[in-house]
Amino acid sequence: MGVIVGLIDKFCKEHLNEEYALLCRKLAEKLARKRPSPLISGSPYTWSSGIVRTVGWVNFLH
């Protein structure tokens, strides 16, 4: 999960803002708490981009 959050933070710092970073971290934390966590399979790059994309889509960031 640390790698995913690091990628999210880096992207949000470069392209978005702290508010989006916070929302993305919250979503990543919720996914990490699910049992079994879906974050253990797949690439951290895929998960981080999917999380940022989902938060942006929900907030009408096109």
N, C-alpha and C. Protein backbone atom coordinates (compact mmCIF):
# COMPACT_ATOMS: atom_id res chain seq x y z
N MET A 1 0.83 -1.20 0.00
CA MET A 1 0.00 0.00 0.00
C MET A 1 0.86 1.25 0.00
N GLY A 2 2.02 1.19 0.63
CA GLY A 2 2.90 2.36 0.69
C GLY A 2 3.36 2.82 -0.68
N VAL A 3 3.62 1.87 -1.57
CA VAL A 3 4.04 2.22 -2.93
C VAL A 3 2.91 2.92 -3.66
N ILE A 4 1.71 2.41 -3.50
CA ILE A 4 0.54 2.99 -4.17
C ILE A 4 0.31 4.42 -3.69
N VAL A 5 0.34 4.63 -2.39
CA VAL A 5 0.13 5.98 -1.85
C VAL A 5 1.25 6.92 -2.28
N GLY A 6 2.47 6.42 -2.34
CA GLY A 6 3.58 7.24 -2.80
C GLY A 6 3.40 7.70 -4.24
N LEU A 7 2.95 6.79 -5.10
CA LEU A 7 2.69 7.15 -6.49
C LEU A 7 1.54 8.15 -6.60
N ILE A 8 0.50 7.94 -5.81
CA ILE A 8 -0.64 8.86 -5.81
C ILE A 8 -0.19 10.24 -5.35
N ASP A 9 0.55 10.31 -4.25
CA ASP A 9 1.01 11.60 -3.73
C ASP A 9 1.87 12.34 -4.74
N LYS A 10 2.76 11.61 -5.39
CA LYS A 10 3.65 12.23 -6.39
C LYS A 10 2.84 12.81 -7.54
N PHE A 11 1.89 12.04 -8.05
CA PHE A 11 1.08 12.51 -9.17
C PHE A 11 0.24 13.72 -8.77
N CYS A 12 -0.41 13.64 -7.61
CA CYS A 12 -1.26 14.75 -7.17
C CYS A 12 -0.44 16.01 -6.92
N LYS A 13 0.75 15.86 -6.40
CA LYS A 13 1.61 17.03 -6.15
C LYS A 13 2.00 17.70 -7.47
N GLU A 14 2.27 16.90 -8.50
CA GLU A 14 2.71 17.44 -9.79
C GLU A 14 1.56 17.96 -10.65
N HIS A 15 0.37 17.33 -10.55
CA HIS A 15 -0.70 17.64 -11.51
C HIS A 15 -2.02 18.10 -10.89
N LEU A 16 -2.26 17.80 -9.63
CA LEU A 16 -3.54 18.13 -9.02
C LEU A 16 -3.30 19.01 -7.79
N ASN A 17 -3.90 18.66 -6.67
CA ASN A 17 -3.69 19.43 -5.44
C ASN A 17 -3.81 18.52 -4.22
N GLU A 18 -3.61 19.10 -3.06
CA GLU A 18 -3.62 18.32 -1.82
C GLU A 18 -4.99 17.72 -1.52
N GLU A 19 -6.05 18.41 -1.93
CA GLU A 19 -7.40 17.88 -1.70
C GLU A 19 -7.61 16.56 -2.45
N TYR A 20 -7.18 16.51 -3.70
CA TYR A 20 -7.28 15.26 -4.46
C TYR A 20 -6.39 14.19 -3.86
N ALA A 21 -5.22 14.56 -3.41
CA ALA A 21 -4.32 13.59 -2.78
C ALA A 21 -4.99 12.97 -1.55
N LEU A 22 -5.64 13.79 -0.75
CA LEU A 22 -6.32 13.30 0.45
C LEU A 22 -7.46 12.34 0.08
N LEU A 23 -8.26 12.72 -0.91
CA LEU A 23 -9.36 11.85 -1.33
C LEU A 23 -8.84 10.52 -1.88
N CYS A 24 -7.76 10.57 -2.64
CA CYS A 24 -7.18 9.34 -3.20
C CYS A 24 -6.61 8.46 -2.09
N ARG A 25 -5.96 9.07 -1.10
CA ARG A 25 -5.43 8.30 0.03
C ARG A 25 -6.56 7.61 0.78
N LYS A 26 -7.68 8.32 0.97
CA LYS A 26 -8.82 7.73 1.68
C LYS A 26 -9.36 6.51 0.93
N LEU A 27 -9.45 6.62 -0.39
CA LEU A 27 -9.93 5.48 -1.18
C LEU A 27 -8.95 4.31 -1.09
N ALA A 28 -7.66 4.59 -1.17
CA ALA A 28 -6.65 3.54 -1.06
C ALA A 28 -6.73 2.86 0.31
N GLU A 29 -6.94 3.64 1.37
CA GLU A 29 -7.07 3.08 2.71
C GLU A 29 -8.29 2.18 2.82
N LYS A 30 -9.40 2.60 2.23
CA LYS A 30 -10.61 1.77 2.27
C LYS A 30 -10.39 0.45 1.53
N LEU A 31 -9.72 0.52 0.39
CA LEU A 31 -9.44 -0.71 -0.36
C LEU A 31 -8.48 -1.62 0.40
N ALA A 32 -7.54 -1.03 1.12
CA ALA A 32 -6.57 -1.82 1.89
C ALA A 32 -7.23 -2.53 3.07
N ARG A 33 -8.32 -1.97 3.60
CA ARG A 33 -9.01 -2.57 4.75
C ARG A 33 -9.93 -3.72 4.36
N LYS A 34 -10.31 -3.79 3.09
CA LYS A 34 -11.18 -4.90 2.66
C LYS A 34 -10.45 -6.21 2.85
N ARG A 35 -11.17 -7.26 3.17
CA ARG A 35 -10.57 -8.58 3.34
C ARG A 35 -11.19 -9.55 2.38
N PRO A 36 -10.45 -10.15 1.51
CA PRO A 36 -9.04 -9.89 1.23
C PRO A 36 -8.90 -8.59 0.43
N SER A 37 -7.83 -7.89 0.66
CA SER A 37 -7.60 -6.61 -0.01
C SER A 37 -7.30 -6.84 -1.49
N PRO A 38 -8.01 -6.14 -2.36
CA PRO A 38 -7.72 -6.28 -3.79
C PRO A 38 -6.36 -5.68 -4.17
N LEU A 39 -5.78 -4.87 -3.30
CA LEU A 39 -4.52 -4.20 -3.61
C LEU A 39 -3.32 -5.15 -3.62
N ILE A 40 -3.50 -6.36 -3.08
CA ILE A 40 -2.35 -7.28 -3.04
C ILE A 40 -2.09 -7.93 -4.39
N SER A 41 -3.07 -7.88 -5.28
CA SER A 41 -2.84 -8.42 -6.62
C SER A 41 -2.80 -7.27 -7.62
N GLY A 42 -2.02 -7.43 -8.64
CA GLY A 42 -1.93 -6.39 -9.65
C GLY A 42 -0.78 -5.44 -9.38
N SER A 43 -0.56 -4.59 -10.33
CA SER A 43 0.55 -3.64 -10.27
C SER A 43 0.20 -2.41 -9.44
N PRO A 44 1.13 -1.93 -8.61
CA PRO A 44 0.88 -0.69 -7.87
C PRO A 44 0.62 0.49 -8.81
N TYR A 45 1.24 0.47 -9.99
CA TYR A 45 1.03 1.55 -10.96
C TYR A 45 -0.41 1.53 -11.48
N THR A 46 -0.93 0.33 -11.70
CA THR A 46 -2.31 0.20 -12.16
C THR A 46 -3.28 0.65 -11.08
N TRP A 47 -3.05 0.23 -9.85
CA TRP A 47 -3.93 0.62 -8.75
C TRP A 47 -3.89 2.12 -8.51
N SER A 48 -2.70 2.71 -8.50
CA SER A 48 -2.61 4.15 -8.23
C SER A 48 -3.29 4.95 -9.34
N SER A 49 -3.10 4.56 -10.59
CA SER A 49 -3.76 5.30 -11.67
C SER A 49 -5.27 5.09 -11.64
N GLY A 50 -5.71 3.89 -11.30
CA GLY A 50 -7.14 3.64 -11.18
C GLY A 50 -7.80 4.43 -10.07
N ILE A 51 -7.12 4.55 -8.96
CA ILE A 51 -7.65 5.32 -7.83
C ILE A 51 -7.75 6.79 -8.19
N VAL A 52 -6.69 7.35 -8.78
CA VAL A 52 -6.72 8.77 -9.17
C VAL A 52 -7.80 8.99 -10.22
N ARG A 53 -7.91 8.09 -11.17
CA ARG A 53 -8.92 8.22 -12.23
C ARG A 53 -10.33 8.18 -11.64
N THR A 54 -10.57 7.28 -10.72
CA THR A 54 -11.89 7.15 -10.11
C THR A 54 -12.26 8.40 -9.32
N VAL A 55 -11.35 8.89 -8.51
CA VAL A 55 -11.62 10.10 -7.72
C VAL A 55 -11.85 11.29 -8.65
N GLY A 56 -11.07 11.40 -9.70
CA GLY A 56 -11.27 12.48 -10.67
C GLY A 56 -12.60 12.37 -11.39
N TRP A 57 -12.98 11.15 -11.77
CA TRP A 57 -14.24 10.94 -12.47
C TRP A 57 -15.43 11.30 -11.59
N VAL A 58 -15.39 10.88 -10.34
CA VAL A 58 -16.48 11.17 -9.40
C VAL A 58 -16.60 12.67 -9.16
N ASN A 59 -15.48 13.39 -9.24
CA ASN A 59 -15.47 14.84 -9.01
C ASN A 59 -15.48 15.63 -10.31
N PHE A 60 -15.89 15.00 -11.40
CA PHE A 60 -16.07 15.65 -12.70
C PHE A 60 -14.78 16.28 -13.23
N LEU A 61 -13.65 15.64 -12.97
CA LEU A 61 -12.37 16.09 -13.51
C LEU A 61 -12.14 15.33 -14.81
N HIS A 62 -12.35 15.99 -15.93
CA HIS A 62 -12.25 15.32 -17.24
C HIS A 62 -11.04 15.77 -17.97
